[in-house]
Amino acid sequence: MNPDDFGEQLNELIVCTFHSILRVEERALKESGSVDLSMSEMHLIEAVSLLQHAKATVSDLAAYLQVTLPSVTVAVNKLQAKGYLAKVRATSDARKVYVALTDLGEAVNEYHTLFHRRMVNAISRNFTPQEKGVLLQGVIKLNEFFSSLSEDARAYEL
């Protein structure tokens, strides 16, 4: 295969797959009926869930999601107004405020987690054990590349 063809095909597949996953997630959220969330809001709720054991602050969430502090502040306030998140003052230092999931936030996060589990199970049914291993190794390398790139874009001179 010509290296240029490989690059073009890989680029098209990565972009198409990314957008397809987002569309499937958005459709699943809308079809749930009672969820009034964007995908960005859903991913913020997911981040709160993942960081909650560490008592996440807005700053922690901004760093984890690699977005600006003001963006996360606005999103947290919006999700608090919708009833998905709550702000909780630290008992040891009243200046410190943690972000926590409400019962509604927990429920929608569980739904989202179940969606991901079902999606992965549906995908994996189409692969042999050997193909699963190759796919997993390829995705691991892809993730490592994008993780390092997100930390230092200069490393790849894009």
N, C-alpha and C. Protein backbone atom coordinates (compact mmCIF):
# COMPACT_ATOMS: atom_id res chain seq x y z
N MET A 1 0.85 -1.19 0.00
CA MET A 1 0.00 0.00 0.00
C MET A 1 0.89 1.24 0.00
N ASN A 2 0.55 2.16 -0.83
CA ASN A 2 1.23 3.44 -0.92
C ASN A 2 1.09 4.19 0.41
N PRO A 3 2.21 4.73 0.97
CA PRO A 3 2.12 5.45 2.26
C PRO A 3 1.11 6.60 2.23
N ASP A 4 0.99 7.28 1.09
CA ASP A 4 0.01 8.37 1.00
C ASP A 4 -1.41 7.83 1.10
N ASP A 5 -1.66 6.69 0.45
CA ASP A 5 -2.99 6.08 0.53
C ASP A 5 -3.30 5.67 1.97
N PHE A 6 -2.31 5.09 2.64
CA PHE A 6 -2.51 4.69 4.04
C PHE A 6 -2.87 5.90 4.89
N GLY A 7 -2.11 6.98 4.73
CA GLY A 7 -2.35 8.19 5.51
C GLY A 7 -3.73 8.76 5.25
N GLU A 8 -4.13 8.81 4.00
CA GLU A 8 -5.45 9.33 3.67
C GLU A 8 -6.56 8.45 4.24
N GLN A 9 -6.40 7.13 4.09
CA GLN A 9 -7.41 6.21 4.62
C GLN A 9 -7.49 6.28 6.13
N LEU A 10 -6.32 6.31 6.79
CA LEU A 10 -6.30 6.38 8.25
C LEU A 10 -6.95 7.67 8.73
N ASN A 11 -6.61 8.78 8.11
CA ASN A 11 -7.21 10.06 8.50
C ASN A 11 -8.73 10.01 8.35
N GLU A 12 -9.19 9.53 7.22
CA GLU A 12 -10.63 9.46 6.98
C GLU A 12 -11.32 8.55 8.01
N LEU A 13 -10.70 7.42 8.32
CA LEU A 13 -11.29 6.49 9.29
C LEU A 13 -11.32 7.07 10.70
N ILE A 14 -10.25 7.73 11.11
CA ILE A 14 -10.21 8.31 12.45
C ILE A 14 -11.28 9.39 12.58
N VAL A 15 -11.34 10.29 11.63
CA VAL A 15 -12.31 11.39 11.69
C VAL A 15 -13.73 10.85 11.62
N CYS A 16 -13.97 9.93 10.71
CA CYS A 16 -15.31 9.36 10.54
C CYS A 16 -15.73 8.59 11.79
N THR A 17 -14.83 7.80 12.34
CA THR A 17 -15.14 7.01 13.54
C THR A 17 -15.45 7.93 14.72
N PHE A 18 -14.65 8.95 14.90
CA PHE A 18 -14.87 9.92 15.99
C PHE A 18 -16.26 10.53 15.88
N HIS A 19 -16.60 11.01 14.70
CA HIS A 19 -17.90 11.65 14.52
C HIS A 19 -19.04 10.65 14.64
N SER A 20 -18.83 9.44 14.16
CA SER A 20 -19.88 8.42 14.27
C SER A 20 -20.16 8.08 15.72
N ILE A 21 -19.12 7.93 16.52
CA ILE A 21 -19.31 7.62 17.94
C ILE A 21 -20.08 8.75 18.62
N LEU A 22 -19.71 9.98 18.34
CA LEU A 22 -20.42 11.11 18.94
C LEU A 22 -21.89 11.13 18.53
N ARG A 23 -22.16 10.87 17.25
CA ARG A 23 -23.56 10.84 16.79
C ARG A 23 -24.35 9.73 17.47
N VAL A 24 -23.74 8.56 17.61
CA VAL A 24 -24.41 7.44 18.27
C VAL A 24 -24.68 7.78 19.73
N GLU A 25 -23.70 8.39 20.41
CA GLU A 25 -23.89 8.79 21.81
C GLU A 25 -25.00 9.84 21.93
N GLU A 26 -24.98 10.82 21.05
CA GLU A 26 -26.01 11.86 21.09
C GLU A 26 -27.40 11.28 20.87
N ARG A 27 -27.51 10.37 19.91
CA ARG A 27 -28.80 9.74 19.64
C ARG A 27 -29.27 8.93 20.84
N ALA A 28 -28.36 8.21 21.46
CA ALA A 28 -28.72 7.40 22.64
C ALA A 28 -29.20 8.30 23.77
N LEU A 29 -28.54 9.45 23.96
CA LEU A 29 -28.97 10.39 25.00
C LEU A 29 -30.36 10.93 24.70
N LYS A 30 -30.59 11.32 23.45
CA LYS A 30 -31.90 11.87 23.08
C LYS A 30 -32.99 10.82 23.21
N GLU A 31 -32.69 9.57 22.83
CA GLU A 31 -33.68 8.51 22.89
C GLU A 31 -33.99 8.06 24.32
N SER A 32 -33.13 8.46 25.26
CA SER A 32 -33.41 8.11 26.66
C SER A 32 -34.64 8.84 27.17
N GLY A 33 -35.03 9.90 26.45
CA GLY A 33 -36.28 10.58 26.77
C GLY A 33 -36.16 11.77 27.68
N SER A 34 -35.69 11.56 28.88
CA SER A 34 -35.75 12.63 29.88
C SER A 34 -34.43 13.36 30.08
N VAL A 35 -33.43 13.08 29.26
CA VAL A 35 -32.12 13.69 29.46
C VAL A 35 -32.00 14.93 28.59
N ASP A 36 -31.72 16.05 29.22
CA ASP A 36 -31.58 17.33 28.52
C ASP A 36 -30.12 17.78 28.54
N LEU A 37 -29.24 16.91 28.03
CA LEU A 37 -27.81 17.18 28.09
C LEU A 37 -27.18 17.15 26.70
N SER A 38 -26.15 17.98 26.55
CA SER A 38 -25.30 17.89 25.35
C SER A 38 -24.23 16.84 25.65
N MET A 39 -23.50 16.44 24.62
CA MET A 39 -22.43 15.46 24.84
C MET A 39 -21.33 16.07 25.72
N SER A 40 -21.05 17.35 25.56
CA SER A 40 -20.04 17.99 26.41
C SER A 40 -20.46 17.95 27.87
N GLU A 41 -21.74 18.20 28.12
CA GLU A 41 -22.24 18.14 29.49
C GLU A 41 -22.17 16.72 30.03
N MET A 42 -22.51 15.75 29.18
CA MET A 42 -22.45 14.35 29.62
C MET A 42 -21.01 13.96 29.96
N HIS A 43 -20.07 14.41 29.17
CA HIS A 43 -18.67 14.08 29.45
C HIS A 43 -18.15 14.79 30.70
N LEU A 44 -18.70 15.96 31.01
CA LEU A 44 -18.34 16.63 32.26
C LEU A 44 -18.88 15.83 33.44
N ILE A 45 -20.11 15.35 33.33
CA ILE A 45 -20.69 14.51 34.39
C ILE A 45 -19.84 13.25 34.58
N GLU A 46 -19.43 12.66 33.46
CA GLU A 46 -18.58 11.46 33.52
C GLU A 46 -17.26 11.78 34.23
N ALA A 47 -16.68 12.94 33.94
CA ALA A 47 -15.42 13.35 34.58
C ALA A 47 -15.61 13.54 36.08
N VAL A 48 -16.72 14.14 36.48
CA VAL A 48 -17.00 14.31 37.92
C VAL A 48 -17.07 12.93 38.58
N SER A 49 -17.73 12.00 37.92
CA SER A 49 -17.83 10.64 38.46
C SER A 49 -16.46 10.00 38.61
N LEU A 50 -15.64 10.14 37.60
CA LEU A 50 -14.30 9.53 37.63
C LEU A 50 -13.40 10.16 38.69
N LEU A 51 -13.57 11.45 38.93
CA LEU A 51 -12.72 12.16 39.88
C LEU A 51 -13.33 12.32 41.26
N GLN A 52 -14.59 11.91 41.41
CA GLN A 52 -15.31 12.18 42.65
C GLN A 52 -14.64 11.57 43.87
N HIS A 53 -14.02 10.41 43.72
CA HIS A 53 -13.34 9.80 44.87
C HIS A 53 -12.22 10.70 45.38
N ALA A 54 -11.72 11.57 44.48
CA ALA A 54 -10.67 12.50 44.87
C ALA A 54 -11.24 13.87 45.22
N LYS A 55 -12.56 13.95 45.32
CA LYS A 55 -13.23 15.21 45.63
C LYS A 55 -12.79 16.30 44.65
N ALA A 56 -13.31 16.24 43.46
CA ALA A 56 -12.91 17.12 42.37
C ALA A 56 -13.37 18.56 42.59
N THR A 57 -12.48 19.47 42.33
CA THR A 57 -12.81 20.89 42.29
C THR A 57 -13.00 21.27 40.81
N VAL A 58 -13.47 22.48 40.57
CA VAL A 58 -13.62 22.95 39.20
C VAL A 58 -12.25 22.96 38.52
N SER A 59 -11.22 23.34 39.25
CA SER A 59 -9.86 23.34 38.69
C SER A 59 -9.41 21.94 38.31
N ASP A 60 -9.72 20.96 39.16
CA ASP A 60 -9.37 19.57 38.85
C ASP A 60 -10.06 19.12 37.56
N LEU A 61 -11.33 19.48 37.42
CA LEU A 61 -12.09 19.10 36.24
C LEU A 61 -11.53 19.76 34.98
N ALA A 62 -11.17 21.04 35.09
CA ALA A 62 -10.59 21.74 33.94
C ALA A 62 -9.29 21.08 33.51
N ALA A 63 -8.45 20.73 34.47
CA ALA A 63 -7.19 20.08 34.15
C ALA A 63 -7.43 18.70 33.53
N TYR A 64 -8.34 17.94 34.10
CA TYR A 64 -8.64 16.60 33.60
C TYR A 64 -9.18 16.64 32.18
N LEU A 65 -10.09 17.57 31.91
CA LEU A 65 -10.73 17.67 30.60
C LEU A 65 -9.90 18.49 29.61
N GLN A 66 -8.86 19.15 30.12
CA GLN A 66 -7.98 20.00 29.33
C GLN A 66 -8.76 21.11 28.62
N VAL A 67 -9.59 21.78 29.40
CA VAL A 67 -10.34 22.95 28.94
C VAL A 67 -10.12 24.07 29.94
N THR A 68 -10.54 25.26 29.57
CA THR A 68 -10.28 26.41 30.44
C THR A 68 -11.16 26.38 31.70
N LEU A 69 -10.64 26.97 32.74
CA LEU A 69 -11.36 27.07 34.01
C LEU A 69 -12.69 27.80 33.85
N PRO A 70 -12.73 28.93 33.13
CA PRO A 70 -14.03 29.60 32.96
C PRO A 70 -15.06 28.73 32.24
N SER A 71 -14.63 27.95 31.26
CA SER A 71 -15.56 27.06 30.54
C SER A 71 -16.17 26.03 31.48
N VAL A 72 -15.33 25.44 32.32
CA VAL A 72 -15.82 24.43 33.26
C VAL A 72 -16.72 25.09 34.31
N THR A 73 -16.36 26.27 34.77
CA THR A 73 -17.18 26.97 35.75
C THR A 73 -18.59 27.21 35.21
N VAL A 74 -18.68 27.69 33.99
CA VAL A 74 -19.99 27.94 33.36
C VAL A 74 -20.76 26.63 33.22
N ALA A 75 -20.09 25.58 32.76
CA ALA A 75 -20.76 24.28 32.56
C ALA A 75 -21.23 23.68 33.89
N VAL A 76 -20.41 23.79 34.92
CA VAL A 76 -20.79 23.27 36.24
C VAL A 76 -22.01 24.02 36.76
N ASN A 77 -22.01 25.33 36.63
CA ASN A 77 -23.16 26.12 37.08
C ASN A 77 -24.43 25.73 36.32
N LYS A 78 -24.30 25.52 35.04
CA LYS A 78 -25.45 25.13 34.21
C LYS A 78 -25.97 23.75 34.64
N LEU A 79 -25.05 22.81 34.87
CA LEU A 79 -25.46 21.47 35.28
C LEU A 79 -26.00 21.45 36.71
N GLN A 80 -25.54 22.38 37.53
CA GLN A 80 -26.10 22.51 38.88
C GLN A 80 -27.54 23.01 38.77
N ALA A 81 -27.78 23.97 37.90
CA ALA A 81 -29.14 24.50 37.71
C ALA A 81 -30.09 23.44 37.15
N LYS A 82 -29.55 22.53 36.33
CA LYS A 82 -30.36 21.44 35.76
C LYS A 82 -30.58 20.30 36.76
N GLY A 83 -29.82 20.32 37.87
CA GLY A 83 -30.00 19.31 38.89
C GLY A 83 -29.08 18.10 38.79
N TYR A 84 -28.05 18.16 37.95
CA TYR A 84 -27.14 17.03 37.77
C TYR A 84 -25.92 17.09 38.69
N LEU A 85 -25.51 18.30 39.04
CA LEU A 85 -24.33 18.49 39.88
C LEU A 85 -24.67 19.35 41.09
N ALA A 86 -23.87 19.20 42.13
CA ALA A 86 -24.00 20.04 43.33
C ALA A 86 -22.61 20.52 43.71
N LYS A 87 -22.55 21.69 44.29
CA LYS A 87 -21.30 22.21 44.84
C LYS A 87 -21.35 22.01 46.34
N VAL A 88 -20.26 21.46 46.85
CA VAL A 88 -20.21 21.13 48.28
C VAL A 88 -18.96 21.78 48.88
N ARG A 89 -19.15 22.58 49.92
CA ARG A 89 -18.01 23.22 50.60
C ARG A 89 -17.29 22.20 51.45
N ALA A 90 -15.99 22.28 51.44
CA ALA A 90 -15.16 21.39 52.27
C ALA A 90 -15.37 21.75 53.74
N THR A 91 -15.46 20.76 54.58
CA THR A 91 -15.65 21.02 56.01
C THR A 91 -14.37 21.56 56.65
N SER A 92 -13.22 21.16 56.12
CA SER A 92 -11.96 21.61 56.70
C SER A 92 -11.54 23.00 56.25
N ASP A 93 -12.02 23.43 55.06
CA ASP A 93 -11.65 24.73 54.52
C ASP A 93 -12.83 25.24 53.69
N ALA A 94 -13.59 26.15 54.25
CA ALA A 94 -14.82 26.62 53.61
C ALA A 94 -14.57 27.34 52.28
N ARG A 95 -13.32 27.70 52.02
CA ARG A 95 -13.00 28.34 50.74
C ARG A 95 -12.96 27.33 49.60
N LYS A 96 -12.75 26.08 49.95
CA LYS A 96 -12.64 25.02 48.94
C LYS A 96 -14.02 24.46 48.63
N VAL A 97 -14.34 24.38 47.32
CA VAL A 97 -15.63 23.87 46.88
C VAL A 97 -15.41 22.67 45.97
N TYR A 98 -16.09 21.58 46.30
CA TYR A 98 -16.02 20.38 45.49
C TYR A 98 -17.26 20.26 44.62
N VAL A 99 -17.12 19.57 43.50
CA VAL A 99 -18.25 19.31 42.61
C VAL A 99 -18.62 17.85 42.78
N ALA A 100 -19.91 17.60 43.00
CA ALA A 100 -20.39 16.24 43.21
C ALA A 100 -21.61 15.98 42.34
N LEU A 101 -21.83 14.70 42.05
CA LEU A 101 -23.02 14.30 41.31
C LEU A 101 -24.21 14.27 42.26
N THR A 102 -25.34 14.72 41.77
CA THR A 102 -26.60 14.55 42.51
C THR A 102 -27.12 13.15 42.18
N ASP A 103 -28.24 12.77 42.76
CA ASP A 103 -28.84 11.48 42.41
C ASP A 103 -29.16 11.42 40.92
N LEU A 104 -29.65 12.52 40.38
CA LEU A 104 -29.94 12.58 38.94
C LEU A 104 -28.66 12.45 38.13
N GLY A 105 -27.60 13.11 38.57
CA GLY A 105 -26.31 13.00 37.91
C GLY A 105 -25.77 11.59 37.93
N GLU A 106 -25.92 10.93 39.08
CA GLU A 106 -25.49 9.52 39.21
C GLU A 106 -26.26 8.64 38.23
N ALA A 107 -27.57 8.86 38.16
CA ALA A 107 -28.42 8.03 37.30
C ALA A 107 -28.05 8.20 35.83
N VAL A 108 -27.85 9.43 35.39
CA VAL A 108 -27.51 9.65 33.99
C VAL A 108 -26.11 9.14 33.68
N ASN A 109 -25.21 9.21 34.64
CA ASN A 109 -23.87 8.67 34.43
C ASN A 109 -23.90 7.15 34.34
N GLU A 110 -24.72 6.52 35.16
CA GLU A 110 -24.87 5.05 35.07
C GLU A 110 -25.43 4.65 33.71
N TYR A 111 -26.41 5.41 33.21
CA TYR A 111 -26.97 5.16 31.89
C TYR A 111 -25.88 5.28 30.81
N HIS A 112 -25.06 6.32 30.91
CA HIS A 112 -23.99 6.56 29.94
C HIS A 112 -22.94 5.44 30.00
N THR A 113 -22.60 5.01 31.21
CA THR A 113 -21.64 3.92 31.38
C THR A 113 -22.19 2.62 30.78
N LEU A 114 -23.46 2.36 31.00
CA LEU A 114 -24.10 1.17 30.42
C LEU A 114 -24.11 1.26 28.90
N PHE A 115 -24.37 2.44 28.36
CA PHE A 115 -24.33 2.63 26.91
C PHE A 115 -22.95 2.25 26.38
N HIS A 116 -21.89 2.74 27.02
CA HIS A 116 -20.53 2.42 26.56
C HIS A 116 -20.26 0.92 26.64
N ARG A 117 -20.68 0.30 27.72
CA ARG A 117 -20.48 -1.14 27.88
C ARG A 117 -21.18 -1.91 26.76
N ARG A 118 -22.41 -1.53 26.45
CA ARG A 118 -23.16 -2.19 25.39
C ARG A 118 -22.53 -1.94 24.03
N MET A 119 -22.05 -0.73 23.81
CA MET A 119 -21.40 -0.40 22.54
C MET A 119 -20.15 -1.27 22.34
N VAL A 120 -19.33 -1.37 23.36
CA VAL A 120 -18.10 -2.17 23.27
C VAL A 120 -18.44 -3.65 23.06
N ASN A 121 -19.45 -4.14 23.76
CA ASN A 121 -19.86 -5.53 23.58
C ASN A 121 -20.36 -5.79 22.17
N ALA A 122 -21.13 -4.86 21.63
CA ALA A 122 -21.65 -5.02 20.27
C ALA A 122 -20.51 -5.00 19.25
N ILE A 123 -19.55 -4.11 19.45
CA ILE A 123 -18.40 -4.05 18.54
C ILE A 123 -17.60 -5.33 18.62
N SER A 124 -17.32 -5.79 19.82
CA SER A 124 -16.42 -6.93 19.99
C SER A 124 -17.01 -8.24 19.49
N ARG A 125 -18.33 -8.32 19.37
CA ARG A 125 -18.95 -9.53 18.83
C ARG A 125 -18.52 -9.82 17.40
N ASN A 126 -18.11 -8.78 16.68
CA ASN A 126 -17.73 -8.92 15.28
C ASN A 126 -16.27 -9.29 15.06
N PHE A 127 -15.53 -9.53 16.13
CA PHE A 127 -14.11 -9.80 16.01
C PHE A 127 -13.74 -11.16 16.60
N THR A 128 -12.75 -11.80 16.00
CA THR A 128 -12.19 -13.03 16.56
C THR A 128 -11.30 -12.61 17.73
N PRO A 129 -10.93 -13.56 18.60
CA PRO A 129 -10.00 -13.21 19.69
C PRO A 129 -8.70 -12.58 19.17
N GLN A 130 -8.18 -13.11 18.07
CA GLN A 130 -6.94 -12.55 17.52
C GLN A 130 -7.16 -11.12 17.01
N GLU A 131 -8.27 -10.87 16.35
CA GLU A 131 -8.57 -9.53 15.86
C GLU A 131 -8.76 -8.57 17.03
N LYS A 132 -9.37 -9.05 18.11
CA LYS A 132 -9.54 -8.19 19.29
C LYS A 132 -8.18 -7.76 19.83
N GLY A 133 -7.23 -8.69 19.88
CA GLY A 133 -5.89 -8.36 20.37
C GLY A 133 -5.20 -7.34 19.50
N VAL A 134 -5.31 -7.51 18.19
CA VAL A 134 -4.69 -6.57 17.25
C VAL A 134 -5.36 -5.20 17.36
N LEU A 135 -6.68 -5.19 17.41
CA LEU A 135 -7.41 -3.92 17.54
C LEU A 135 -7.02 -3.21 18.82
N LEU A 136 -6.99 -3.95 19.92
CA LEU A 136 -6.64 -3.35 21.21
C LEU A 136 -5.24 -2.75 21.17
N GLN A 137 -4.28 -3.48 20.59
CA GLN A 137 -2.91 -2.94 20.50
C GLN A 137 -2.87 -1.70 19.64
N GLY A 138 -3.61 -1.70 18.53
CA GLY A 138 -3.65 -0.53 17.66
C GLY A 138 -4.26 0.67 18.36
N VAL A 139 -5.35 0.46 19.08
CA VAL A 139 -6.02 1.56 19.78
C VAL A 139 -5.14 2.06 20.93
N ILE A 140 -4.43 1.16 21.60
CA ILE A 140 -3.50 1.57 22.66
C ILE A 140 -2.44 2.51 22.09
N LYS A 141 -1.86 2.14 20.95
CA LYS A 141 -0.85 3.00 20.32
C LYS A 141 -1.45 4.33 19.88
N LEU A 142 -2.65 4.29 19.34
CA LEU A 142 -3.34 5.51 18.92
C LEU A 142 -3.57 6.41 20.12
N ASN A 143 -4.04 5.83 21.23
CA ASN A 143 -4.28 6.59 22.45
C ASN A 143 -2.98 7.18 23.00
N GLU A 144 -1.91 6.39 23.00
CA GLU A 144 -0.62 6.89 23.48
C GLU A 144 -0.16 8.09 22.65
N PHE A 145 -0.34 7.97 21.33
CA PHE A 145 0.04 9.07 20.44
C PHE A 145 -0.73 10.34 20.79
N PHE A 146 -2.06 10.24 20.85
CA PHE A 146 -2.87 11.43 21.11
C PHE A 146 -2.68 11.95 22.53
N SER A 147 -2.44 11.07 23.48
CA SER A 147 -2.18 11.52 24.86
C SER A 147 -0.90 12.33 24.92
N SER A 148 0.14 11.84 24.28
CA SER A 148 1.41 12.58 24.31
C SER A 148 1.30 13.86 23.51
N LEU A 149 0.55 13.82 22.44
CA LEU A 149 0.37 15.01 21.62
C LEU A 149 -0.40 16.08 22.37
N SER A 150 -1.39 15.66 23.14
CA SER A 150 -2.18 16.64 23.89
C SER A 150 -1.35 17.27 25.00
N GLU A 151 -0.31 16.59 25.44
CA GLU A 151 0.56 17.14 26.48
C GLU A 151 1.63 18.06 25.90
N ASP A 152 2.09 17.75 24.68
CA ASP A 152 3.14 18.56 24.07
C ASP A 152 3.01 18.49 22.55
N ALA A 153 2.26 19.42 21.99
CA ALA A 153 2.01 19.43 20.54
C ALA A 153 3.30 19.64 19.75
N ARG A 154 4.30 20.24 20.37
CA ARG A 154 5.56 20.48 19.66
C ARG A 154 6.28 19.19 19.35
N ALA A 155 5.99 18.12 20.09
CA ALA A 155 6.68 16.85 19.90
C ALA A 155 6.48 16.27 18.51
N TYR A 156 5.40 16.64 17.86
CA TYR A 156 5.11 16.08 16.53
C TYR A 156 5.07 17.14 15.44
N GLU A 157 5.41 18.37 15.81
CA GLU A 157 5.49 19.47 14.86
C GLU A 157 4.34 19.46 13.87
N LEU A 158 3.12 19.53 14.41
CA LEU A 158 1.95 19.55 13.53
C LEU A 158 1.74 20.90 12.93
